[in-house]
Amino acid sequence: MKINKLLIKYLILLMVYVVLVRFIEPYAMRLYFSFSESPHLKPETFQTFQSLMTGITFLINLIFMVYMIIDSKDKIIIDWLIILITLFSPDAGIAIFIVWQIYKELIKKYEAQHSI
């Protein structure tokens, strides 16, 4: 079934996002402050790391958007709005996208059964 593959694909992508952005970033910062002799004297290292993580987050968001553009077949306005939401919040965007795809699949099945 298409929905199962879609669900597994996006859950794996979401787990990668959570591990990279929500887990590694705070712990890397904690390690930086723990092992640095004088972390207050090296703000440029801290800023470089934050910039790197922001870039990685943006790149992951773009990858999510590309996958969503490929997977959404109709490409109606609501699909584009969901893709735009994903740029700013991948968690919410992926959840809305999965629910929307399931809804479209159920509507297709209903219309096929009742010949609408």
C-alpha atoms as a PDB file:
ATOM      1  CA  MET A   1       0.000   0.000   0.000  1.00  0.00           C
ATOM      2  CA  LYS A   2       1.273   3.449  -0.906  1.00  0.00           C
ATOM      3  CA  ILE A   3       0.377   5.018   2.423  1.00  0.00           C
ATOM      4  CA  ASN A   4       2.454   2.512   4.392  1.00  0.00           C
ATOM      5  CA  LYS A   5       5.548   3.244   2.301  1.00  0.00           C
ATOM      6  CA  LEU A   6       4.933   6.970   2.598  1.00  0.00           C
ATOM      7  CA  LEU A   7       4.486   6.746   6.354  1.00  0.00           C
ATOM      8  CA  ILE A   8       7.655   4.699   6.856  1.00  0.00           C
ATOM      9  CA  LYS A   9       9.663   7.004   4.585  1.00  0.00           C
ATOM     10  CA  TYR A  10       8.651  10.194   6.379  1.00  0.00           C
ATOM     11  CA  LEU A  11       8.956   8.706   9.851  1.00  0.00           C
ATOM     12  CA  ILE A  12      12.547   7.696   9.055  1.00  0.00           C
ATOM     13  CA  LEU A  13      13.271  11.178   7.701  1.00  0.00           C
ATOM     14  CA  LEU A  14      11.700  12.737  10.782  1.00  0.00           C
ATOM     15  CA  MET A  15      13.763  10.542  13.082  1.00  0.00           C
ATOM     16  CA  VAL A  16      16.936  11.606  11.253  1.00  0.00           C
ATOM     17  CA  TYR A  17      15.896  15.230  11.696  1.00  0.00           C
ATOM     18  CA  VAL A  18      15.220  14.785  15.404  1.00  0.00           C
ATOM     19  CA  VAL A  19      18.533  13.047  15.998  1.00  0.00           C
ATOM     20  CA  LEU A  20      20.575  15.581  14.037  1.00  0.00           C
ATOM     21  CA  VAL A  21      18.912  18.797  15.082  1.00  0.00           C
ATOM     22  CA  ARG A  22      17.231  18.203  18.418  1.00  0.00           C
ATOM     23  CA  PHE A  23      19.683  15.731  19.940  1.00  0.00           C
ATOM     24  CA  ILE A  24      23.180  16.348  18.592  1.00  0.00           C
ATOM     25  CA  GLU A  25      23.112  20.159  18.705  1.00  0.00           C
ATOM     26  CA  PRO A  26      22.456  20.589  22.458  1.00  0.00           C
ATOM     27  CA  TYR A  27      24.822  17.796  23.420  1.00  0.00           C
ATOM     28  CA  ALA A  28      27.580  19.126  21.186  1.00  0.00           C
ATOM     29  CA  MET A  29      27.187  22.505  22.853  1.00  0.00           C
ATOM     30  CA  ARG A  30      27.342  20.880  26.257  1.00  0.00           C
ATOM     31  CA  LEU A  31      30.506  19.009  25.256  1.00  0.00           C
ATOM     32  CA  TYR A  32      32.024  22.230  23.961  1.00  0.00           C
ATOM     33  CA  PHE A  33      31.450  23.988  27.267  1.00  0.00           C
ATOM     34  CA  SER A  34      32.582  20.956  29.273  1.00  0.00           C
ATOM     35  CA  PHE A  35      35.881  20.319  27.522  1.00  0.00           C
ATOM     36  CA  SER A  36      36.925  23.833  26.588  1.00  0.00           C
ATOM     37  CA  GLU A  37      39.392  25.407  28.996  1.00  0.00           C
ATOM     38  CA  SER A  38      37.811  28.821  28.697  1.00  0.00           C
ATOM     39  CA  PRO A  39      34.580  28.739  26.694  1.00  0.00           C
ATOM     40  CA  HIS A  40      33.887  32.420  27.279  1.00  0.00           C
ATOM     41  CA  LEU A  41      37.033  33.396  25.405  1.00  0.00           C
ATOM     42  CA  LYS A  42      36.023  31.534  22.234  1.00  0.00           C
ATOM     43  CA  PRO A  43      32.696  32.985  21.092  1.00  0.00           C
ATOM     44  CA  GLU A  44      33.654  32.657  17.424  1.00  0.00           C
ATOM     45  CA  THR A  45      33.800  28.853  17.798  1.00  0.00           C
ATOM     46  CA  PHE A  46      30.365  28.873  19.388  1.00  0.00           C
ATOM     47  CA  GLN A  47      28.965  31.110  16.633  1.00  0.00           C
ATOM     48  CA  THR A  48      30.544  28.959  13.942  1.00  0.00           C
ATOM     49  CA  PHE A  49      28.930  25.856  15.395  1.00  0.00           C
ATOM     50  CA  GLN A  50      25.530  27.576  15.587  1.00  0.00           C
ATOM     51  CA  SER A  51      25.853  28.724  11.978  1.00  0.00           C
ATOM     52  CA  LEU A  52      26.785  25.218  10.893  1.00  0.00           C
ATOM     53  CA  MET A  53      23.784  23.713  12.683  1.00  0.00           C
ATOM     54  CA  THR A  54      21.463  26.344  11.182  1.00  0.00           C
ATOM     55  CA  GLY A  55      22.776  25.483   7.725  1.00  0.00           C
ATOM     56  CA  ILE A  56      22.328  21.753   8.321  1.00  0.00           C
ATOM     57  CA  THR A  57      18.788  22.314   9.589  1.00  0.00           C
ATOM     58  CA  PHE A  58      17.920  24.399   6.528  1.00  0.00           C
ATOM     59  CA  LEU A  59      19.404  21.757   4.217  1.00  0.00           C
ATOM     60  CA  ILE A  60      17.380  19.004   5.898  1.00  0.00           C
ATOM     61  CA  ASN A  61      14.229  21.138   5.573  1.00  0.00           C
ATOM     62  CA  LEU A  62      14.931  21.578   1.851  1.00  0.00           C
ATOM     63  CA  ILE A  63      15.380  17.820   1.461  1.00  0.00           C
ATOM     64  CA  PHE A  64      12.008  17.290   3.143  1.00  0.00           C
ATOM     65  CA  MET A  65      10.460  19.807   0.781  1.00  0.00           C
ATOM     66  CA  VAL A  66      11.899  18.063  -2.286  1.00  0.00           C
ATOM     67  CA  TYR A  67      10.579  14.696  -1.109  1.00  0.00           C
ATOM     68  CA  MET A  68       7.154  16.217  -0.514  1.00  0.00           C
ATOM     69  CA  ILE A  69       7.073  17.844  -3.938  1.00  0.00           C
ATOM     70  CA  ILE A  70       7.915  14.490  -5.505  1.00  0.00           C
ATOM     71  CA  ASP A  71       5.337  12.590  -3.433  1.00  0.00           C
ATOM     72  CA  SER A  72       2.420  14.985  -3.844  1.00  0.00           C
ATOM     73  CA  LYS A  73       0.834  14.128  -7.153  1.00  0.00           C
ATOM     74  CA  ASP A  74      -1.923  16.732  -7.432  1.00  0.00           C
ATOM     75  CA  LYS A  75       0.166  19.762  -6.481  1.00  0.00           C
ATOM     76  CA  ILE A  76      -2.836  21.845  -5.498  1.00  0.00           C
ATOM     77  CA  ILE A  77      -2.554  24.943  -3.319  1.00  0.00           C
ATOM     78  CA  ILE A  78      -2.890  23.065  -0.037  1.00  0.00           C
ATOM     79  CA  ASP A  79       0.055  20.840  -1.012  1.00  0.00           C
ATOM     80  CA  TRP A  80       2.192  23.927  -1.582  1.00  0.00           C
ATOM     81  CA  LEU A  81       1.079  25.406   1.747  1.00  0.00           C
ATOM     82  CA  ILE A  82       2.057  22.199   3.530  1.00  0.00           C
ATOM     83  CA  ILE A  83       5.434  22.295   1.787  1.00  0.00           C
ATOM     84  CA  LEU A  84       5.894  25.909   2.920  1.00  0.00           C
ATOM     85  CA  ILE A  85       5.016  24.922   6.509  1.00  0.00           C
ATOM     86  CA  THR A  86       7.682  22.223   6.270  1.00  0.00           C
ATOM     87  CA  LEU A  87      10.336  24.826   5.495  1.00  0.00           C
ATOM     88  CA  PHE A  88       9.757  26.469   8.872  1.00  0.00           C
ATOM     89  CA  SER A  89       8.666  23.483  10.971  1.00  0.00           C
ATOM     90  CA  PRO A  90       9.390  20.032   9.579  1.00  0.00           C
ATOM     91  CA  ASP A  91       7.653  18.281  12.474  1.00  0.00           C
ATOM     92  CA  ALA A  92       4.323  19.962  11.822  1.00  0.00           C
ATOM     93  CA  GLY A  93       4.757  19.915   8.047  1.00  0.00           C
ATOM     94  CA  ILE A  94       5.387  16.178   7.873  1.00  0.00           C
ATOM     95  CA  ALA A  95       2.488  15.410  10.217  1.00  0.00           C
ATOM     96  CA  ILE A  96       0.087  17.537   8.162  1.00  0.00           C
ATOM     97  CA  PHE A  97       1.427  16.077   4.907  1.00  0.00           C
ATOM     98  CA  ILE A  98       0.917  12.481   6.062  1.00  0.00           C
ATOM     99  CA  VAL A  99      -2.619  13.220   7.272  1.00  0.00           C
ATOM    100  CA  TRP A 100      -3.402  15.003   3.993  1.00  0.00           C
ATOM    101  CA  GLN A 101      -2.089  12.099   1.899  1.00  0.00           C
ATOM    102  CA  ILE A 102      -4.118   9.587   3.927  1.00  0.00           C
ATOM    103  CA  TYR A 103      -7.208  11.775   3.507  1.00  0.00           C
ATOM    104  CA  LYS A 104      -6.714  11.971  -0.273  1.00  0.00           C
ATOM    105  CA  GLU A 105      -6.225   8.194  -0.475  1.00  0.00           C
ATOM    106  CA  LEU A 106      -9.424   7.548   1.509  1.00  0.00           C
ATOM    107  CA  ILE A 107     -11.387   9.963  -0.697  1.00  0.00           C
ATOM    108  CA  LYS A 108     -10.148   8.139  -3.815  1.00  0.00           C
ATOM    109  CA  LYS A 109     -11.219   4.793  -2.360  1.00  0.00           C
ATOM    110  CA  TYR A 110     -14.622   6.184  -1.406  1.00  0.00           C
ATOM    111  CA  GLU A 111     -15.175   7.659  -4.866  1.00  0.00           C
ATOM    112  CA  ALA A 112     -14.106   4.394  -6.520  1.00  0.00           C
ATOM    113  CA  GLN A 113     -16.517   2.365  -4.374  1.00  0.00           C
ATOM    114  CA  HIS A 114     -19.475   4.657  -4.934  1.00  0.00           C
ATOM    115  CA  SER A 115     -18.625   5.666  -8.505  1.00  0.00           C
ATOM    116  CA  ILE A 116     -18.807   9.373  -7.830  1.00  0.00           C
END
